[in-house]
Amino acid sequence: MRNRRIAKKRAPAERQYAVIKRVFKAGHVLVTTVKRVKIKMLFTAFGFNLYQVYTLRKQGAIAGWRELSRKSKEKRLFSTTYG
């Protein structure tokens, strides 16, 4: 019972670590200093964010940059301000 409650709270955050370990093979870090590990993990996190955007675009959950810029341009063209 206790384990299920903990698992429900932990599950949303576990996916990121699983993807980083599986896709980016960053389960173990082979660099030696803390500074280098920090930089390596920074690039890994950046890569994960790009991977996440790619996945969401492929699923159709978010629009691409072109669609977003087209919508904002149309919004500016059709909105008039009276003041």
PDB file of N, CA and C in Angstrom:
ATOM      1  N   MET A   1       0.820  -1.190   0.000  1.00  0.00           N
ATOM      2  CA  MET A   1       0.000   0.000   0.000  1.00  0.00           C
ATOM      3  C   MET A   1       0.870   1.263   0.000  1.00  0.00           C
ATOM      4  N   ARG A   2       1.855   1.293   0.887  1.00  0.00           N
ATOM      5  CA  ARG A   2       2.737   2.450   0.983  1.00  0.00           C
ATOM      6  C   ARG A   2       3.539   2.647  -0.306  1.00  0.00           C
ATOM      7  N   ASN A   3       3.989   1.535  -0.877  1.00  0.00           N
ATOM      8  CA  ASN A   3       4.787   1.611  -2.084  1.00  0.00           C
ATOM      9  C   ASN A   3       3.988   2.191  -3.252  1.00  0.00           C
ATOM     10  N   ARG A   4       2.711   1.885  -3.345  1.00  0.00           N
ATOM     11  CA  ARG A   4       1.875   2.421  -4.427  1.00  0.00           C
ATOM     12  C   ARG A   4       1.706   3.931  -4.303  1.00  0.00           C
ATOM     13  N   ARG A   5       1.537   4.411  -3.063  1.00  0.00           N
ATOM     14  CA  ARG A   5       1.422   5.860  -2.857  1.00  0.00           C
ATOM     15  C   ARG A   5       2.713   6.560  -3.268  1.00  0.00           C
ATOM     16  N   ILE A   6       3.837   5.982  -2.893  1.00  0.00           N
ATOM     17  CA  ILE A   6       5.126   6.573  -3.256  1.00  0.00           C
ATOM     18  C   ILE A   6       5.320   6.522  -4.768  1.00  0.00           C
ATOM     19  N   ALA A   7       4.955   5.419  -5.388  1.00  0.00           N
ATOM     20  CA  ALA A   7       5.139   5.253  -6.830  1.00  0.00           C
ATOM     21  C   ALA A   7       4.313   6.254  -7.621  1.00  0.00           C
ATOM     22  N   LYS A   8       3.109   6.566  -7.159  1.00  0.00           N
ATOM     23  CA  LYS A   8       2.273   7.535  -7.868  1.00  0.00           C
ATOM     24  C   LYS A   8       2.892   8.924  -7.849  1.00  0.00           C
ATOM     25  N   LYS A   9       3.539   9.273  -6.760  1.00  0.00           N
ATOM     26  CA  LYS A   9       4.195  10.577  -6.674  1.00  0.00           C
ATOM     27  C   LYS A   9       5.495  10.598  -7.454  1.00  0.00           C
ATOM     28  N   ARG A  10       6.172   9.473  -7.487  1.00  0.00           N
ATOM     29  CA  ARG A  10       7.486   9.404  -8.115  1.00  0.00           C
ATOM     30  C   ARG A  10       7.400   9.231  -9.634  1.00  0.00           C
ATOM     31  N   ALA A  11       6.363   8.610 -10.133  1.00  0.00           N
ATOM     32  CA  ALA A  11       6.256   8.228 -11.540  1.00  0.00           C
ATOM     33  C   ALA A  11       6.394   9.385 -12.528  1.00  0.00           C
ATOM     34  N   PRO A  12       5.792  10.559 -12.313  1.00  0.00           N
ATOM     35  CA  PRO A  12       5.935  11.621 -13.308  1.00  0.00           C
ATOM     36  C   PRO A  12       7.379  12.072 -13.536  1.00  0.00           C
ATOM     37  N   ALA A  13       8.227  11.956 -12.532  1.00  0.00           N
ATOM     38  CA  ALA A  13       9.615  12.407 -12.680  1.00  0.00           C
ATOM     39  C   ALA A  13      10.531  11.302 -13.176  1.00  0.00           C
ATOM     40  N   GLU A  14      10.135  10.064 -13.065  1.00  0.00           N
ATOM     41  CA  GLU A  14      11.011   8.958 -13.429  1.00  0.00           C
ATOM     42  C   GLU A  14      11.216   8.834 -14.938  1.00  0.00           C
ATOM     43  N   ARG A  15      10.279   9.293 -15.740  1.00  0.00           N
ATOM     44  CA  ARG A  15      10.394   9.144 -17.185  1.00  0.00           C
ATOM     45  C   ARG A  15      11.611   9.861 -17.737  1.00  0.00           C
ATOM     46  N   GLN A  16      11.868  11.065 -17.248  1.00  0.00           N
ATOM     47  CA  GLN A  16      13.011  11.835 -17.727  1.00  0.00           C
ATOM     48  C   GLN A  16      14.315  11.079 -17.481  1.00  0.00           C
ATOM     49  N   TYR A  17      14.466  10.522 -16.302  1.00  0.00           N
ATOM     50  CA  TYR A  17      15.685   9.787 -15.987  1.00  0.00           C
ATOM     51  C   TYR A  17      15.801   8.524 -16.829  1.00  0.00           C
ATOM     52  N   ALA A  18      14.692   7.870 -17.077  1.00  0.00           N
ATOM     53  CA  ALA A  18      14.715   6.660 -17.896  1.00  0.00           C
ATOM     54  C   ALA A  18      15.136   6.975 -19.328  1.00  0.00           C
ATOM     55  N   VAL A  19      14.618   8.072 -19.881  1.00  0.00           N
ATOM     56  CA  VAL A  19      14.981   8.461 -21.250  1.00  0.00           C
ATOM     57  C   VAL A  19      16.447   8.870 -21.316  1.00  0.00           C
ATOM     58  N   ILE A  20      16.904   9.614 -20.338  1.00  0.00           N
ATOM     59  CA  ILE A  20      18.303  10.046 -20.335  1.00  0.00           C
ATOM     60  C   ILE A  20      19.229   8.843 -20.244  1.00  0.00           C
ATOM     61  N   LYS A  21      18.875   7.861 -19.435  1.00  0.00           N
ATOM     62  CA  LYS A  21      19.712   6.674 -19.326  1.00  0.00           C
ATOM     63  C   LYS A  21      19.664   5.828 -20.591  1.00  0.00           C
ATOM     64  N   ARG A  22      18.463   5.641 -21.168  1.00  0.00           N
ATOM     65  CA  ARG A  22      18.309   4.740 -22.300  1.00  0.00           C
ATOM     66  C   ARG A  22      18.765   5.370 -23.613  1.00  0.00           C
ATOM     67  N   VAL A  23      18.295   6.576 -23.908  1.00  0.00           N
ATOM     68  CA  VAL A  23      18.559   7.188 -25.204  1.00  0.00           C
ATOM     69  C   VAL A  23      19.945   7.819 -25.261  1.00  0.00           C
ATOM     70  N   PHE A  24      20.296   8.547 -24.203  1.00  0.00           N
ATOM     71  CA  PHE A  24      21.555   9.286 -24.209  1.00  0.00           C
ATOM     72  C   PHE A  24      22.684   8.528 -23.529  1.00  0.00           C
ATOM     73  N   LYS A  25      22.399   7.326 -23.026  1.00  0.00           N
ATOM     74  CA  LYS A  25      23.390   6.473 -22.372  1.00  0.00           C
ATOM     75  C   LYS A  25      24.168   7.235 -21.307  1.00  0.00           C
ATOM     76  N   ALA A  26      23.447   7.961 -20.482  1.00  0.00           N
ATOM     77  CA  ALA A  26      24.078   8.777 -19.450  1.00  0.00           C
ATOM     78  C   ALA A  26      23.828   8.200 -18.061  1.00  0.00           C
ATOM     79  N   GLY A  27      23.740   6.884 -17.953  1.00  0.00           N
ATOM     80  CA  GLY A  27      23.563   6.258 -16.657  1.00  0.00           C
ATOM     81  C   GLY A  27      24.816   6.368 -15.808  1.00  0.00           C
ATOM     82  N   HIS A  28      25.958   6.249 -16.464  1.00  0.00           N
ATOM     83  CA  HIS A  28      27.252   6.401 -15.800  1.00  0.00           C
ATOM     84  C   HIS A  28      28.022   7.484 -16.522  1.00  0.00           C
ATOM     85  N   VAL A  29      28.694   8.303 -15.767  1.00  0.00           N
ATOM     86  CA  VAL A  29      29.474   9.391 -16.345  1.00  0.00           C
ATOM     87  C   VAL A  29      30.938   9.023 -16.233  1.00  0.00           C
ATOM     88  N   LEU A  30      31.667   9.110 -17.330  1.00  0.00           N
ATOM     89  CA  LEU A  30      33.062   8.690 -17.340  1.00  0.00           C
ATOM     90  C   LEU A  30      34.044   9.841 -17.146  1.00  0.00           C
ATOM     91  N   VAL A  31      33.560  11.051 -16.985  1.00  0.00           N
ATOM     92  CA  VAL A  31      34.464  12.172 -16.725  1.00  0.00           C
ATOM     93  C   VAL A  31      34.794  12.198 -15.238  1.00  0.00           C
ATOM     94  N   THR A  32      35.879  12.880 -14.880  1.00  0.00           N
ATOM     95  CA  THR A  32      36.393  12.720 -13.527  1.00  0.00           C
ATOM     96  C   THR A  32      36.047  13.859 -12.578  1.00  0.00           C
ATOM     97  N   THR A  33      35.978  15.077 -13.021  1.00  0.00           N
ATOM     98  CA  THR A  33      35.764  16.179 -12.088  1.00  0.00           C
ATOM     99  C   THR A  33      34.295  16.567 -12.030  1.00  0.00           C
ATOM    100  N   VAL A  34      33.915  17.193 -10.950  1.00  0.00           N
ATOM    101  CA  VAL A  34      32.528  17.620 -10.771  1.00  0.00           C
ATOM    102  C   VAL A  34      32.158  18.664 -11.815  1.00  0.00           C
ATOM    103  N   LYS A  35      33.087  19.520 -12.158  1.00  0.00           N
ATOM    104  CA  LYS A  35      32.836  20.553 -13.165  1.00  0.00           C
ATOM    105  C   LYS A  35      32.512  19.924 -14.527  1.00  0.00           C
ATOM    106  N   ARG A  36      33.256  18.904 -14.892  1.00  0.00           N
ATOM    107  CA  ARG A  36      33.019  18.240 -16.175  1.00  0.00           C
ATOM    108  C   ARG A  36      31.707  17.459 -16.172  1.00  0.00           C
ATOM    109  N   VAL A  37      31.386  16.843 -15.054  1.00  0.00           N
ATOM    110  CA  VAL A  37      30.113  16.128 -14.937  1.00  0.00           C
ATOM    111  C   VAL A  37      28.958  17.111 -15.089  1.00  0.00           C
ATOM    112  N   LYS A  38      29.096  18.279 -14.456  1.00  0.00           N
ATOM    113  CA  LYS A  38      28.049  19.299 -14.542  1.00  0.00           C
ATOM    114  C   LYS A  38      27.819  19.725 -15.989  1.00  0.00           C
ATOM    115  N   ILE A  39      28.896  19.938 -16.727  1.00  0.00           N
ATOM    116  CA  ILE A  39      28.784  20.353 -18.131  1.00  0.00           C
ATOM    117  C   ILE A  39      28.196  19.222 -18.974  1.00  0.00           C
ATOM    118  N   LYS A  40      28.644  17.998 -18.726  1.00  0.00           N
ATOM    119  CA  LYS A  40      28.115  16.859 -19.475  1.00  0.00           C
ATOM    120  C   LYS A  40      26.618  16.692 -19.232  1.00  0.00           C
ATOM    121  N   MET A  41      26.189  16.833 -17.998  1.00  0.00           N
ATOM    122  CA  MET A  41      24.770  16.693 -17.691  1.00  0.00           C
ATOM    123  C   MET A  41      23.964  17.875 -18.237  1.00  0.00           C
ATOM    124  N   LEU A  42      24.580  19.047 -18.312  1.00  0.00           N
ATOM    125  CA  LEU A  42      23.917  20.204 -18.907  1.00  0.00           C
ATOM    126  C   LEU A  42      23.593  19.931 -20.375  1.00  0.00           C
ATOM    127  N   PHE A  43      24.569  19.398 -21.111  1.00  0.00           N
ATOM    128  CA  PHE A  43      24.327  19.072 -22.514  1.00  0.00           C
ATOM    129  C   PHE A  43      23.353  17.910 -22.668  1.00  0.00           C
ATOM    130  N   THR A  44      23.393  16.976 -21.732  1.00  0.00           N
ATOM    131  CA  THR A  44      22.432  15.869 -21.766  1.00  0.00           C
ATOM    132  C   THR A  44      21.013  16.382 -21.563  1.00  0.00           C
ATOM    133  N   ALA A  45      20.842  17.300 -20.622  1.00  0.00           N
ATOM    134  CA  ALA A  45      19.518  17.882 -20.376  1.00  0.00           C
ATOM    135  C   ALA A  45      19.041  18.681 -21.584  1.00  0.00           C
ATOM    136  N   PHE A  46      19.953  19.419 -22.220  1.00  0.00           N
ATOM    137  CA  PHE A  46      19.598  20.166 -23.425  1.00  0.00           C
ATOM    138  C   PHE A  46      19.169  19.206 -24.536  1.00  0.00           C
ATOM    139  N   GLY A  47      19.906  18.123 -24.690  1.00  0.00           N
ATOM    140  CA  GLY A  47      19.546  17.109 -25.685  1.00  0.00           C
ATOM    141  C   GLY A  47      18.205  16.469 -25.381  1.00  0.00           C
ATOM    142  N   PHE A  48      17.926  16.222 -24.099  1.00  0.00           N
ATOM    143  CA  PHE A  48      16.634  15.657 -23.708  1.00  0.00           C
ATOM    144  C   PHE A  48      15.503  16.612 -24.071  1.00  0.00           C
ATOM    145  N   ASN A  49      15.701  17.907 -23.838  1.00  0.00           N
ATOM    146  CA  ASN A  49      14.657  18.880 -24.165  1.00  0.00           C
ATOM    147  C   ASN A  49      14.389  18.911 -25.667  1.00  0.00           C
ATOM    148  N   LEU A  50      15.437  18.844 -26.473  1.00  0.00           N
ATOM    149  CA  LEU A  50      15.249  18.789 -27.930  1.00  0.00           C
ATOM    150  C   LEU A  50      14.524  17.504 -28.337  1.00  0.00           C
ATOM    151  N   TYR A  51      14.906  16.408 -27.709  1.00  0.00           N
ATOM    152  CA  TYR A  51      14.266  15.123 -27.976  1.00  0.00           C
ATOM    153  C   TYR A  51      12.784  15.176 -27.613  1.00  0.00           C
ATOM    154  N   GLN A  52      12.461  15.828 -26.516  1.00  0.00           N
ATOM    155  CA  GLN A  52      11.073  15.958 -26.072  1.00  0.00           C
ATOM    156  C   GLN A  52      10.267  16.801 -27.053  1.00  0.00           C
ATOM    157  N   VAL A  53      10.834  17.900 -27.528  1.00  0.00           N
ATOM    158  CA  VAL A  53      10.136  18.744 -28.505  1.00  0.00           C
ATOM    159  C   VAL A  53       9.892  17.964 -29.792  1.00  0.00           C
ATOM    160  N   TYR A  54      10.908  17.215 -30.240  1.00  0.00           N
ATOM    161  CA  TYR A  54      10.763  16.405 -31.444  1.00  0.00           C
ATOM    162  C   TYR A  54       9.637  15.383 -31.273  1.00  0.00           C
ATOM    163  N   THR A  55       9.600  14.717 -30.127  1.00  0.00           N
ATOM    164  CA  THR A  55       8.573  13.711 -29.863  1.00  0.00           C
ATOM    165  C   THR A  55       7.185  14.336 -29.841  1.00  0.00           C
ATOM    166  N   LEU A  56       7.046  15.477 -29.183  1.00  0.00           N
ATOM    167  CA  LEU A  56       5.739  16.128 -29.101  1.00  0.00           C
ATOM    168  C   LEU A  56       5.279  16.639 -30.461  1.00  0.00           C
ATOM    169  N   ARG A  57       6.205  17.142 -31.268  1.00  0.00           N
ATOM    170  CA  ARG A  57       5.831  17.583 -32.620  1.00  0.00           C
ATOM    171  C   ARG A  57       5.398  16.408 -33.466  1.00  0.00           C
ATOM    172  N   LYS A  58       6.098  15.284 -33.342  1.00  0.00           N
ATOM    173  CA  LYS A  58       5.763  14.096 -34.126  1.00  0.00           C
ATOM    174  C   LYS A  58       4.378  13.575 -33.752  1.00  0.00           C
ATOM    175  N   GLN A  59       4.009  13.695 -32.479  1.00  0.00           N
ATOM    176  CA  GLN A  59       2.689  13.253 -32.028  1.00  0.00           C
ATOM    177  C   GLN A  59       1.601  14.268 -32.342  1.00  0.00           C
ATOM    178  N   GLY A  60       1.979  15.476 -32.744  1.00  0.00           N
ATOM    179  CA  GLY A  60       1.005  16.501 -33.051  1.00  0.00           C
ATOM    180  C   GLY A  60       0.519  17.262 -31.834  1.00  0.00           C
ATOM    181  N   ALA A  61       1.228  17.126 -30.725  1.00  0.00           N
ATOM    182  CA  ALA A  61       0.813  17.792 -29.493  1.00  0.00           C
ATOM    183  C   ALA A  61       1.156  19.274 -29.512  1.00  0.00           C
ATOM    184  N   ILE A  62       2.204  19.639 -30.234  1.00  0.00           N
ATOM    185  CA  ILE A  62       2.574  21.050 -30.357  1.00  0.00           C
ATOM    186  C   ILE A  62       2.769  21.377 -31.827  1.00  0.00           C
ATOM    187  N   ALA A  63       2.593  22.638 -32.153  1.00  0.00           N
ATOM    188  CA  ALA A  63       2.766  23.085 -33.535  1.00  0.00           C
ATOM    189  C   ALA A  63       4.233  23.399 -33.781  1.00  0.00           C
ATOM    190  N   GLY A  64       4.612  23.355 -35.036  1.00  0.00           N
ATOM    191  CA  GLY A  64       5.974  23.710 -35.397  1.00  0.00           C
ATOM    192  C   GLY A  64       6.171  25.212 -35.365  1.00  0.00           C
ATOM    193  N   TRP A  65       7.414  25.633 -35.510  1.00  0.00           N
ATOM    194  CA  TRP A  65       7.734  27.070 -35.452  1.00  0.00           C
ATOM    195  C   TRP A  65       7.056  27.838 -36.586  1.00  0.00           C
ATOM    196  N   ARG A  66       6.968  27.221 -37.742  1.00  0.00           N
ATOM    197  CA  ARG A  66       6.356  27.915 -38.878  1.00  0.00           C
ATOM    198  C   ARG A  66       4.869  28.159 -38.635  1.00  0.00           C
ATOM    199  N   GLU A  67       4.199  27.156 -38.085  1.00  0.00           N
ATOM    200  CA  GLU A  67       2.774  27.318 -37.808  1.00  0.00           C
ATOM    201  C   GLU A  67       2.550  28.381 -36.748  1.00  0.00           C
ATOM    202  N   LEU A  68       3.401  28.402 -35.732  1.00  0.00           N
ATOM    203  CA  LEU A  68       3.262  29.390 -34.673  1.00  0.00           C
ATOM    204  C   LEU A  68       3.494  30.804 -35.189  1.00  0.00           C
ATOM    205  N   SER A  69       4.526  30.975 -36.025  1.00  0.00           N
ATOM    206  CA  SER A  69       4.805  32.315 -36.534  1.00  0.00           C
ATOM    207  C   SER A  69       3.707  32.766 -37.501  1.00  0.00           C
ATOM    208  N   ARG A  70       3.132  31.838 -38.282  1.00  0.00           N
ATOM    209  CA  ARG A  70       2.054  32.176 -39.198  1.00  0.00           C
ATOM    210  C   ARG A  70       0.821  32.621 -38.411  1.00  0.00           C
ATOM    211  N   LYS A  71       0.509  31.914 -37.320  1.00  0.00           N
ATOM    212  CA  LYS A  71      -0.657  32.279 -36.514  1.00  0.00           C
ATOM    213  C   LYS A  71      -0.467  33.639 -35.862  1.00  0.00           C
ATOM    214  N   SER A  72       0.729  33.924 -35.381  1.00  0.00           N
ATOM    215  CA  SER A  72       0.944  35.217 -34.734  1.00  0.00           C
ATOM    216  C   SER A  72       0.905  36.344 -35.768  1.00  0.00           C
ATOM    217  N   LYS A  73       1.368  36.074 -36.997  1.00  0.00           N
ATOM    218  CA  LYS A  73       1.316  37.087 -38.043  1.00  0.00           C
ATOM    219  C   LYS A  73      -0.138  37.379 -38.420  1.00  0.00           C
ATOM    220  N   GLU A  74      -0.946  36.316 -38.537  1.00  0.00           N
ATOM    221  CA  GLU A  74      -2.359  36.511 -38.846  1.00  0.00           C
ATOM    222  C   GLU A  74      -3.061  37.266 -37.727  1.00  0.00           C
ATOM    223  N   LYS A  75      -2.698  36.975 -36.525  1.00  0.00           N
ATOM    224  CA  LYS A  75      -3.298  37.647 -35.386  1.00  0.00           C
ATOM    225  C   LYS A  75      -2.990  39.148 -35.427  1.00  0.00           C
ATOM    226  N   ARG A  76      -1.762  39.497 -35.779  1.00  0.00           N
ATOM    227  CA  ARG A  76      -1.387  40.915 -35.869  1.00  0.00           C
ATOM    228  C   ARG A  76      -2.101  41.605 -37.017  1.00  0.00           C
ATOM    229  N   LEU A  77      -2.292  40.892 -38.134  1.00  0.00           N
ATOM    230  CA  LEU A  77      -2.935  41.503 -39.290  1.00  0.00           C
ATOM    231  C   LEU A  77      -4.413  41.771 -39.032  1.00  0.00           C
ATOM    232  N   PHE A  78      -5.074  40.852 -38.344  1.00  0.00           N
ATOM    233  CA  PHE A  78      -6.514  40.980 -38.161  1.00  0.00           C
ATOM    234  C   PHE A  78      -6.918  41.703 -36.882  1.00  0.00           C
ATOM    235  N   SER A  79      -5.977  41.974 -36.029  1.00  0.00           N
ATOM    236  CA  SER A  79      -6.353  42.687 -34.808  1.00  0.00           C
ATOM    237  C   SER A  79      -6.146  44.179 -35.030  1.00  0.00           C
ATOM    238  N   THR A  80      -7.138  44.937 -34.685  1.00  0.00           N
ATOM    239  CA  THR A  80      -7.025  46.394 -34.795  1.00  0.00           C
ATOM    240  C   THR A  80      -7.211  46.986 -33.428  1.00  0.00           C
ATOM    241  N   THR A  81      -6.469  48.011 -33.164  1.00  0.00           N
ATOM    242  CA  THR A  81      -6.588  48.667 -31.856  1.00  0.00           C
ATOM    243  C   THR A  81      -7.226  50.033 -32.050  1.00  0.00           C
ATOM    244  N   TYR A  82      -8.184  50.284 -31.238  1.00  0.00           N
ATOM    245  CA  TYR A  82      -8.856  51.594 -31.274  1.00  0.00           C
ATOM    246  C   TYR A  82      -8.525  52.293 -29.960  1.00  0.00           C
ATOM    247  N   GLY A  83      -8.034  53.480 -30.043  1.00  0.00           N
ATOM    248  CA  GLY A  83      -7.665  54.111 -28.798  1.00  0.00           C
ATOM    249  C   GLY A  83      -7.668  55.539 -28.847  1.00  0.00           C
TER     250      GLY A  83
END
